[in-house]
């Protein structure tokens, strides 16, 4: 019994030791595994730290590269901007020099034309008005040139040009009256009185200015019509500067409101335009221009035959052509520049105001065109026109000389025919019996005159 108990205790001790050994082995294995995992985790942590450090280094390098790239781009953009500024400045200087050259040539040509009239001052009253008209081209050229150099004075220069335009229209009417009366108003009235039966009665609204009244005599009617035409032209001289000044002030005061038109619909734009001061100012200007031209045309139709020797229509075209050409030219340039800028009057990518661009193009073209108009003035306002016994000469028509070529061809063909007739005479084709024997014809060659004489004698 005791032995069995001892054996059982030994067995239990052996089992316990066995389990203890197994546990110790498991603990050692787990410790080794934990140690391996710990080392692996440390290795992974170190690897992640290295990768993180490398990524941060790469990010820093990328930021440095981006900063360098931005600095390079900024430097390039700055250089491009500086280059564009230099190009624009050089272009502006070139345009100013070109416009200045045209203005200088215009002034020199016009001054020489004026001095030609002063050296041949046959009709002082008439030629004084011609000189006033000739000032139009230099004034337009100089004001346009100043507007190119100093863009801020464009509005003031426009007022000056509008005033002188109106003054020249009246001066042209006064010039026609002076030519008609040879410098004396009374003689112009006498010439106009010859057409009193065909003249339309003067307007009663100016009746207070008529003295004597037009019903008294043909001379009184002619004088009243002359006064009416002068009043209609003179009101334009007074109205045009006032309306130009009012337009300039309205544009300056309502510039922000006009700029907001781009955000409105078409119907709203039309409504705002018809209720704006610019519309009513334009209406007053158009009525004033219509009245001025009514007086001018009425006088011209009354005495067109008496003034035909000075060709007044070409003179009028050279005067009014300046105004009409500059107006329609400016309108077309504004439309083209507006379409180029997308239909909006605002600064584009080149930092150039489309209005300023259109204004500059217009002024440069005016400087060029005034040189052409000064040449035209030289042709239509010649100083010798007022000499005693002057007769208007017709200038030869320009061409390519084709008529001369045809004449030369005809001459050669005629010579060929004459030579052919001479050969036939020598051969005896035109010899008639009893008039000339073949033996009497010498073998020497006959000249053209001898051949002709021989033909006449034979016939």
Protein backbone atom coordinates (compact mmCIF):
# COMPACT_ATOMS: atom_id res chain seq x y z
CA UNK A 1 0.00 0.00 0.00
CA UNK A 2 2.80 2.36 0.93
CA UNK A 3 4.72 1.36 -2.16
CA UNK A 4 1.73 2.06 -4.34
CA UNK A 5 1.40 5.45 -2.76
CA UNK A 6 5.08 6.24 -3.33
CA UNK A 7 4.87 5.06 -6.91
CA UNK A 8 1.83 7.22 -7.53
CA UNK A 9 3.57 10.26 -6.08
CA UNK A 10 6.61 9.59 -8.25
CA UNK A 11 4.37 9.33 -11.30
CA UNK A 12 2.63 12.57 -10.45
CA UNK A 13 6.01 14.27 -9.85
CA UNK A 14 7.23 13.00 -13.19
CA UNK A 15 4.10 14.32 -14.95
CA UNK A 16 4.49 17.67 -13.22
CA UNK A 17 8.11 17.89 -14.22
CA UNK A 18 7.18 16.93 -17.72
CA UNK A 19 4.58 19.66 -17.94
CA UNK A 20 6.99 22.06 -16.30
CA UNK A 21 9.65 21.33 -18.85
CA UNK A 22 7.16 21.75 -21.64
CA UNK A 23 6.03 25.07 -20.17
CA UNK A 24 9.59 26.23 -19.83
CA UNK A 25 10.25 25.24 -23.43
CA UNK A 26 7.11 27.07 -24.58
CA UNK A 27 8.10 30.13 -22.60
CA UNK A 28 11.57 30.06 -24.12
CA UNK A 29 10.11 29.62 -27.61
CA UNK A 30 7.62 32.41 -27.04
CA UNK A 31 10.38 34.62 -25.66
CA UNK A 32 12.47 33.92 -28.72
CA UNK A 33 9.51 34.65 -30.96
CA UNK A 34 8.73 37.84 -29.08
CA UNK A 35 12.37 38.83 -29.32
CA UNK A 36 12.38 38.16 -33.05
CA UNK A 37 9.17 40.12 -33.48
CA UNK A 38 10.61 42.92 -31.40
CA UNK A 39 13.71 43.08 -33.54
CA UNK A 40 11.56 42.95 -36.68
CA UNK A 41 9.42 45.77 -35.36
CA UNK A 42 12.52 47.78 -34.55
CA UNK A 43 13.82 47.12 -38.00
CA UNK A 44 10.52 48.14 -39.58
CA UNK A 45 10.39 51.22 -37.41
CA UNK A 46 13.90 52.16 -38.46
CA UNK A 47 13.04 51.50 -42.09
CA UNK A 48 9.89 53.63 -41.85
CA UNK A 49 11.88 56.39 -40.20
CA UNK A 50 14.43 56.27 -42.98
CA UNK A 51 11.70 56.35 -45.60
CA UNK A 52 9.97 59.22 -43.82
CA UNK A 53 13.25 61.10 -43.65
CA UNK A 54 13.89 60.48 -47.32
CA UNK A 55 10.36 61.58 -48.22
CA UNK A 56 10.76 64.74 -46.19
CA UNK A 57 14.10 65.37 -47.86
CA UNK A 58 12.51 64.81 -51.26
CA UNK A 59 9.66 67.16 -50.34
CA UNK A 60 12.16 69.78 -49.28
CA UNK A 61 14.03 69.33 -52.55
CA UNK A 62 10.74 69.61 -54.47
CA UNK A 63 9.87 72.79 -52.60
CA UNK A 64 13.31 74.17 -53.34
CA UNK A 65 12.91 73.23 -57.01
CA UNK A 66 9.45 74.79 -57.08
CA UNK A 67 10.79 77.96 -55.51
CA UNK A 68 13.64 78.04 -57.99
CA UNK A 69 11.23 77.33 -60.86
CA UNK A 70 8.88 80.08 -59.66
CA UNK A 71 11.77 82.47 -59.34
CA UNK A 72 12.92 81.56 -62.83
CA UNK A 73 9.40 81.98 -64.20
CA UNK A 74 8.97 85.27 -62.39
CA UNK A 75 12.31 86.41 -63.75
CA UNK A 76 11.37 85.35 -67.27
CA UNK A 77 7.98 87.05 -67.01
CA UNK A 78 9.63 90.17 -65.71
CA UNK A 79 12.13 90.10 -68.56
CA UNK A 80 9.30 89.55 -71.06
CA UNK A 81 7.35 92.42 -69.51
CA UNK A 82 10.41 94.66 -69.65
CA UNK A 83 11.04 93.61 -73.25
CA UNK A 84 7.40 94.28 -74.18
CA UNK A 85 7.60 97.65 -72.47
CA UNK A 86 10.74 98.51 -74.42
CA UNK A 87 9.14 97.33 -77.67
CA UNK A 88 6.00 99.38 -76.97
CA UNK A 89 8.10 102.39 -76.08
CA UNK A 90 10.17 102.03 -79.26
CA UNK A 91 7.00 101.49 -81.28
CA UNK A 92 5.44 104.55 -79.68
CA UNK A 93 8.52 106.62 -80.44
CA UNK A 94 8.53 105.35 -84.03
CA UNK A 95 4.88 106.27 -84.48
CA UNK A 96 5.48 109.68 -82.92
CA UNK A 97 8.42 110.29 -85.24
CA UNK A 98 6.42 109.17 -88.28
CA UNK A 99 3.42 111.33 -87.31
CA UNK A 100 5.73 114.25 -86.56
CA UNK A 101 7.28 113.92 -90.02
CA UNK A 102 3.85 114.07 -91.66
CA UNK A 103 2.86 117.06 -89.53
CA UNK A 104 6.08 118.88 -90.38
CA UNK A 105 5.61 118.27 -94.12
CA UNK A 106 1.98 119.40 -93.86
CA UNK A 107 2.96 122.62 -92.10
CA UNK A 108 5.80 123.36 -94.52
CA UNK A 109 3.66 122.75 -97.60
CA UNK A 110 0.77 124.80 -96.22
CA UNK A 111 3.05 127.65 -95.17
CA UNK A 112 4.60 127.75 -98.63
CA UNK A 113 1.11 127.75 -100.13
CA UNK A 114 0.10 130.65 -97.87
CA UNK A 115 3.20 132.64 -98.76
CA UNK A 116 2.40 132.05 -102.45
CA UNK A 117 -0.94 133.77 -101.89
CA UNK A 118 0.77 136.58 -99.96
CA UNK A 119 3.29 137.11 -102.75
CA UNK A 120 0.41 137.27 -105.24
CA UNK A 121 -2.09 139.20 -103.16
CA UNK A 122 -4.29 140.32 -106.06
CA UNK A 123 -7.59 140.13 -104.14
CA UNK A 124 -6.84 140.77 -100.44
CA UNK A 125 -10.43 140.32 -99.23
CA UNK A 126 -10.82 137.02 -101.07
CA UNK A 127 -7.37 135.58 -100.48
CA UNK A 128 -7.50 136.43 -96.79
CA UNK A 129 -10.38 133.97 -96.49
CA UNK A 130 -8.45 131.41 -98.54
CA UNK A 131 -5.57 131.62 -96.05
CA UNK A 132 -8.06 131.09 -93.19
CA UNK A 133 -9.29 127.93 -94.94
CA UNK A 134 -5.75 126.68 -95.55
CA UNK A 135 -5.09 126.74 -91.80
CA UNK A 136 -7.44 123.77 -91.41
CA UNK A 137 -4.93 121.07 -92.39
CA UNK A 138 -2.12 122.26 -90.03
CA UNK A 139 -4.56 122.69 -87.13
CA UNK A 140 -5.96 119.18 -87.56
CA UNK A 141 -2.46 117.72 -87.95
CA UNK A 142 -0.96 119.53 -84.95
CA UNK A 143 -3.87 118.75 -82.62
CA UNK A 144 -3.78 115.07 -83.62
CA UNK A 145 -0.02 114.96 -83.05
CA UNK A 146 -0.38 116.51 -79.60
CA UNK A 147 -3.08 113.96 -78.78
CA UNK A 148 -0.62 111.17 -79.64
CA UNK A 149 2.14 112.63 -77.48
CA UNK A 150 -0.10 113.63 -74.54
CA UNK A 151 -3.14 111.34 -74.52
CA UNK A 152 -4.88 113.23 -71.72
CA UNK A 153 -5.60 116.29 -73.86
CA UNK A 154 -7.55 114.47 -76.57
CA UNK A 155 -10.86 115.96 -75.42
CA UNK A 156 -9.56 119.51 -75.43
CA UNK A 157 -8.03 119.06 -78.88
CA UNK A 158 -11.35 117.73 -80.20
CA UNK A 159 -13.10 120.88 -79.02
CA UNK A 160 -10.53 123.00 -80.86
CA UNK A 161 -10.92 120.98 -84.07
CA UNK A 162 -14.73 121.18 -83.90
CA UNK A 163 -14.61 124.94 -83.44
CA UNK A 164 -12.31 125.48 -86.40
CA UNK A 165 -14.38 123.12 -88.55
CA UNK A 166 -17.48 125.28 -87.94
CA UNK A 167 -15.50 128.46 -88.52
CA UNK A 168 -14.16 127.18 -91.86
CA UNK A 169 -17.69 126.30 -93.04
CA UNK A 170 -18.77 129.89 -92.48
CA UNK A 171 -15.52 131.21 -93.94
CA UNK A 172 -16.16 129.19 -97.11
CA UNK A 173 -19.58 130.85 -97.50
CA UNK A 174 -17.96 134.23 -96.90
CA UNK A 175 -15.32 133.30 -99.48
CA UNK A 176 -17.98 132.55 -102.10
CA UNK A 177 -19.69 135.88 -101.38
CA UNK A 178 -16.37 137.71 -101.69
CA UNK A 179 -15.57 135.98 -105.00
CA UNK A 180 -19.02 136.76 -106.33
CA UNK A 181 -18.68 140.49 -105.50
CA UNK A 182 -14.90 140.71 -106.04
CA UNK A 183 -14.46 141.66 -102.40
CA UNK A 184 -17.51 143.92 -102.16
CA UNK A 185 -20.79 142.79 -100.65
CA UNK A 186 -22.85 145.29 -102.65
CA UNK A 187 -21.62 143.83 -105.93
CA UNK A 188 -22.48 140.32 -104.70
CA UNK A 189 -26.00 141.54 -103.95
CA UNK A 190 -26.26 142.98 -107.45
CA UNK A 191 -25.21 139.72 -109.05
CA UNK A 192 -27.62 137.78 -106.83
CA UNK A 193 -30.45 140.22 -107.69
CA UNK A 194 -30.19 139.18 -111.33
CA UNK A 195 -31.58 135.79 -110.27
CA UNK A 196 -34.24 137.25 -107.95
CA UNK A 197 -37.11 135.85 -110.03
CA UNK A 198 -35.85 132.29 -109.58
CA UNK A 199 -34.93 132.59 -105.90
CA UNK A 200 -37.02 131.17 -103.11
CA UNK A 201 -38.27 133.80 -100.68
CA UNK A 202 -36.25 134.13 -97.47
CA UNK A 203 -37.59 132.71 -94.20
CA UNK A 204 -39.82 134.95 -92.14
CA UNK A 205 -38.22 133.82 -88.89
CA UNK A 206 -35.23 136.07 -89.69
CA UNK A 207 -37.40 138.99 -90.80
CA UNK A 208 -36.07 141.24 -88.03
CA UNK A 209 -32.60 140.99 -89.56
CA UNK A 210 -33.70 142.05 -93.06
CA UNK A 211 -33.08 145.66 -94.03
CA UNK A 212 -34.55 146.64 -96.34
CA UNK A 213 -37.48 144.20 -96.45
CA UNK A 214 -37.33 141.65 -99.29
CA UNK A 215 -40.63 142.85 -100.81
CA UNK A 216 -39.27 146.28 -101.66
CA UNK A 217 -37.01 145.41 -104.61
CA UNK A 218 -35.00 142.59 -106.19
CA UNK A 219 -31.85 143.95 -104.53
CA UNK A 220 -33.62 143.88 -101.15
CA UNK A 221 -34.69 140.26 -101.77
CA UNK A 222 -31.16 139.29 -102.76
CA UNK A 223 -29.76 141.01 -99.66
CA UNK A 224 -32.30 139.22 -97.44
CA UNK A 225 -31.38 135.84 -98.94
CA UNK A 226 -27.71 136.60 -98.40
CA UNK A 227 -28.38 137.52 -94.76
CA UNK A 228 -30.40 134.33 -94.30
CA UNK A 229 -27.58 132.14 -95.64
CA UNK A 230 -25.06 133.92 -93.41
CA UNK A 231 -27.23 133.45 -90.31
CA UNK A 232 -27.70 129.74 -91.03
CA UNK A 233 -23.95 129.26 -91.41
CA UNK A 234 -23.06 131.52 -88.48
CA UNK A 235 -25.23 129.64 -85.98
CA UNK A 236 -23.09 126.55 -86.63
CA UNK A 237 -19.98 128.51 -85.60
CA UNK A 238 -21.62 129.34 -82.26
CA UNK A 239 -23.40 126.02 -81.68
CA UNK A 240 -20.62 123.56 -82.54
CA UNK A 241 -18.12 124.59 -79.79
CA UNK A 242 -20.90 124.66 -77.17
CA UNK A 243 -22.15 121.18 -78.03
CA UNK A 244 -18.58 119.82 -78.18
CA UNK A 245 -17.83 121.26 -74.75
CA UNK A 246 -21.11 119.87 -73.37
CA UNK A 247 -20.31 116.43 -74.80
CA UNK A 248 -16.84 116.50 -73.23
CA UNK A 249 -18.22 117.47 -69.80
CA UNK A 250 -21.02 114.86 -69.97
CA UNK A 251 -18.56 112.13 -70.89
CA UNK A 252 -16.25 113.08 -68.02
CA UNK A 253 -19.06 113.21 -65.43
CA UNK A 254 -20.91 110.09 -66.58
CA UNK A 255 -17.94 107.89 -67.47
CA UNK A 256 -18.74 105.29 -64.77
CA UNK A 257 -22.33 105.08 -65.92
CA UNK A 258 -21.25 104.59 -69.53
CA UNK A 259 -18.86 101.85 -68.42
CA UNK A 260 -21.76 99.95 -66.81
CA UNK A 261 -23.53 99.69 -70.19
CA UNK A 262 -21.53 96.55 -70.98
CA UNK A 263 -23.37 94.61 -68.27
CA UNK A 264 -26.83 95.51 -69.59
CA UNK A 265 -28.94 93.88 -72.25
CA UNK A 266 -29.38 95.37 -75.70
CA UNK A 267 -32.82 96.82 -74.92
CA UNK A 268 -31.53 98.47 -71.75
CA UNK A 269 -28.53 99.88 -73.64
CA UNK A 270 -30.80 101.41 -76.28
CA UNK A 271 -33.08 102.89 -73.64
CA UNK A 272 -30.17 104.36 -71.69
CA UNK A 273 -28.64 105.83 -74.84
CA UNK A 274 -31.83 107.60 -75.92
CA UNK A 275 -32.20 109.08 -72.43
CA UNK A 276 -28.53 110.07 -72.08
CA UNK A 277 -27.20 113.61 -72.59
CA UNK A 278 -25.00 112.42 -75.47
CA UNK A 279 -28.07 111.59 -77.58
CA UNK A 280 -29.63 115.03 -77.18
CA UNK A 281 -26.29 116.75 -77.78
CA UNK A 282 -25.89 114.74 -80.99
CA UNK A 283 -29.39 115.72 -82.08
CA UNK A 284 -28.61 119.41 -81.56
CA UNK A 285 -25.37 119.05 -83.52
CA UNK A 286 -27.13 117.33 -86.43
CA UNK A 287 -29.83 120.02 -86.60
CA UNK A 288 -27.18 122.73 -86.53
CA UNK A 289 -25.18 121.04 -89.30
CA UNK A 290 -28.34 120.62 -91.39
CA UNK A 291 -29.20 124.32 -91.10
CA UNK A 292 -25.63 125.37 -91.98
CA UNK A 293 -25.57 123.21 -95.10
CA UNK A 294 -29.04 124.39 -96.05
CA UNK A 295 -27.80 127.99 -96.19
CA UNK A 296 -24.63 127.04 -98.02
CA UNK A 297 -26.41 124.93 -100.65
CA UNK A 298 -29.12 127.56 -101.17
CA UNK A 299 -26.50 130.21 -101.94
CA UNK A 300 -24.52 127.85 -104.19
CA UNK A 301 -27.54 126.89 -106.29
CA UNK A 302 -28.47 130.55 -106.71
CA UNK A 303 -25.09 131.60 -108.15
CA UNK A 304 -23.58 128.32 -109.37
CA UNK A 305 -23.18 129.60 -112.94
CA UNK A 306 -21.52 132.83 -111.79
CA UNK A 307 -19.01 130.89 -109.65
CA UNK A 308 -18.32 128.09 -112.11
CA UNK A 309 -14.94 129.57 -113.10
CA UNK A 310 -13.46 128.87 -109.64
CA UNK A 311 -14.90 125.32 -109.45
CA UNK A 312 -16.39 125.75 -105.94
CA UNK A 313 -17.55 122.14 -105.61
CA UNK A 314 -14.01 120.76 -105.54
CA UNK A 315 -13.05 123.38 -102.98
CA UNK A 316 -15.98 122.39 -100.78
CA UNK A 317 -15.05 118.71 -101.06
CA UNK A 318 -11.50 119.47 -99.90
CA UNK A 319 -12.90 121.31 -96.87
CA UNK A 320 -15.73 119.02 -95.83
CA UNK A 321 -13.85 115.91 -96.91
CA UNK A 322 -11.52 116.38 -93.95
CA UNK A 323 -14.45 116.31 -91.52
CA UNK A 324 -16.37 113.47 -93.16
CA UNK A 325 -13.29 111.31 -93.66
CA UNK A 326 -12.10 111.72 -90.07
CA UNK A 327 -15.61 111.03 -88.70
CA UNK A 328 -16.34 107.86 -90.69
CA UNK A 329 -12.76 106.69 -90.36
CA UNK A 330 -12.92 107.06 -86.57
CA UNK A 331 -16.24 105.18 -86.48
CA UNK A 332 -14.82 102.26 -88.49
CA UNK A 333 -11.66 102.11 -86.35
CA UNK A 334 -13.74 102.06 -83.15
CA UNK A 335 -15.85 99.18 -84.50
CA UNK A 336 -12.78 97.15 -85.53
CA UNK A 337 -10.98 97.69 -82.22
CA UNK A 338 -14.16 96.89 -80.28
CA UNK A 339 -14.59 93.61 -82.18
CA UNK A 340 -10.93 92.77 -81.61
CA UNK A 341 -11.30 93.30 -77.85
CA UNK A 342 -14.39 91.11 -77.64
CA UNK A 343 -16.93 93.89 -77.82
CA UNK A 344 -16.01 95.34 -74.42
CA UNK A 345 -14.25 98.63 -73.81
CA UNK A 346 -11.91 97.38 -71.11
CA UNK A 347 -8.23 96.65 -70.70
CA UNK A 348 -7.11 93.40 -72.28
CA UNK A 349 -4.09 91.20 -71.66
CA UNK A 350 -1.73 93.75 -73.18
CA UNK A 351 -2.83 96.39 -70.65
CA UNK A 352 -3.84 98.72 -73.48
CA UNK A 353 -7.16 100.49 -73.30
CA UNK A 354 -9.04 99.82 -76.58
CA UNK A 355 -10.30 103.43 -76.59
CA UNK A 356 -6.73 104.71 -76.36
CA UNK A 357 -5.63 102.29 -79.09
CA UNK A 358 -8.42 103.40 -81.45
CA UNK A 359 -7.70 107.05 -80.68
CA UNK A 360 -4.01 106.61 -81.43
CA UNK A 361 -4.65 104.88 -84.75
CA UNK A 362 -7.13 107.61 -85.71
CA UNK A 363 -4.70 110.43 -84.86
CA UNK A 364 -1.82 108.83 -86.78
CA UNK A 365 -4.01 108.44 -89.87
CA UNK A 366 -5.15 112.06 -89.57
CA UNK A 367 -1.53 113.23 -89.50
CA UNK A 368 -0.94 111.33 -92.77
CA UNK A 369 -4.19 112.44 -94.41
CA UNK A 370 -3.63 116.11 -93.64
CA UNK A 371 -0.51 115.98 -95.80
CA UNK A 372 -2.65 114.66 -98.67
CA UNK A 373 -5.31 117.31 -98.08
CA UNK A 374 -2.68 120.05 -98.03
CA UNK A 375 -1.58 118.85 -101.48
CA UNK A 376 -5.23 118.88 -102.59
CA UNK A 377 -5.60 122.44 -101.24
CA UNK A 378 -2.62 123.47 -103.34
CA UNK A 379 -4.42 122.19 -106.44
CA UNK A 380 -7.88 123.67 -105.77
CA UNK A 381 -6.77 127.02 -104.26
CA UNK A 382 -4.05 128.19 -106.70
CA UNK A 383 -2.71 131.72 -106.02
CA UNK A 384 -2.82 132.70 -109.71
CA UNK A 385 -6.59 132.17 -109.73
CA UNK A 386 -7.16 135.82 -108.79
CA UNK A 387 -4.99 137.43 -111.47
CA UNK A 388 -6.56 139.68 -114.07
CA UNK A 389 -7.66 137.69 -117.10
CA UNK A 390 -7.27 134.34 -115.34
CA UNK A 391 -8.69 131.40 -117.24
CA UNK A 392 -9.02 128.03 -115.59
CA UNK A 393 -6.72 125.51 -117.14
CA UNK A 394 -7.56 121.88 -117.58
CA UNK A 395 -4.87 119.60 -116.32
CA UNK A 396 -3.80 116.82 -118.70
CA UNK A 397 -5.39 113.50 -117.94
CA UNK A 398 -3.07 110.94 -116.40
CA UNK A 399 -2.73 107.57 -118.05
CA UNK A 400 -0.40 104.78 -119.07
CA UNK A 401 0.34 106.17 -122.54
CA UNK A 402 -1.71 103.59 -124.45
CA UNK A 403 -3.06 106.23 -126.85
CA UNK A 404 0.54 107.17 -127.73
CA UNK A 405 1.27 103.52 -128.46
CA UNK A 406 -1.78 103.28 -130.74
CA UNK A 407 -0.70 106.47 -132.55
CA UNK A 408 2.80 105.04 -133.10
CA UNK A 409 1.33 101.79 -134.47
CA UNK A 410 -0.87 103.80 -136.84
CA UNK A 411 2.13 105.81 -138.03
CA UNK A 412 4.12 102.65 -138.77
CA UNK A 413 1.18 101.11 -140.67
CA UNK A 414 0.75 104.32 -142.69
CA UNK A 415 4.45 104.30 -143.60
CA UNK A 416 4.11 100.66 -144.67
CA UNK A 417 1.23 101.56 -146.97
CA UNK A 418 3.20 104.42 -148.51
CA UNK A 419 6.20 102.17 -149.08
CA UNK A 420 3.96 99.60 -150.75
CA UNK A 421 2.50 102.21 -153.09
CA UNK A 422 6.02 103.39 -153.97
CA UNK A 423 7.07 99.86 -154.93
CA UNK A 424 4.01 99.45 -157.10
CA UNK A 425 4.80 102.72 -158.88
CA UNK A 426 8.34 101.57 -159.58
CA UNK A 427 7.02 98.28 -160.98
CA UNK A 428 4.73 100.15 -163.43
CA UNK A 429 1.39 99.18 -161.86
CA UNK A 430 0.10 102.79 -161.86
CA UNK A 431 1.57 103.87 -165.28
CA UNK A 432 -0.98 104.83 -167.87
CA UNK A 433 -0.40 104.84 -171.57
CA UNK A 434 0.74 108.18 -172.96
CA UNK A 435 1.42 109.71 -169.56
CA UNK A 436 4.62 108.05 -168.45
CA UNK A 437 6.83 105.44 -170.04
CA UNK A 438 8.47 102.69 -168.10
CA UNK A 439 11.86 103.68 -169.59
CA UNK A 440 11.58 107.12 -168.02
CA UNK A 441 11.55 105.66 -164.54
CA UNK A 442 15.04 105.58 -163.16
CA UNK A 443 16.46 102.72 -161.23
CA UNK A 444 17.36 104.97 -158.33
CA UNK A 445 15.18 104.59 -155.22
CA UNK A 446 12.57 107.29 -154.80
CA UNK A 447 12.08 109.04 -151.51
CA UNK A 448 8.64 109.28 -149.84
CA UNK A 449 7.91 112.82 -151.09
CA UNK A 450 8.82 111.92 -154.71
CA UNK A 451 6.55 108.88 -154.57
CA UNK A 452 3.64 110.95 -153.35
CA UNK A 453 4.19 113.60 -156.05
CA UNK A 454 4.41 110.88 -158.66
CA UNK A 455 1.11 109.36 -157.58
CA UNK A 456 -0.59 112.74 -157.71
CA UNK A 457 0.78 113.44 -161.21
CA UNK A 458 -0.27 110.02 -162.45
CA UNK A 459 -3.78 110.28 -161.13
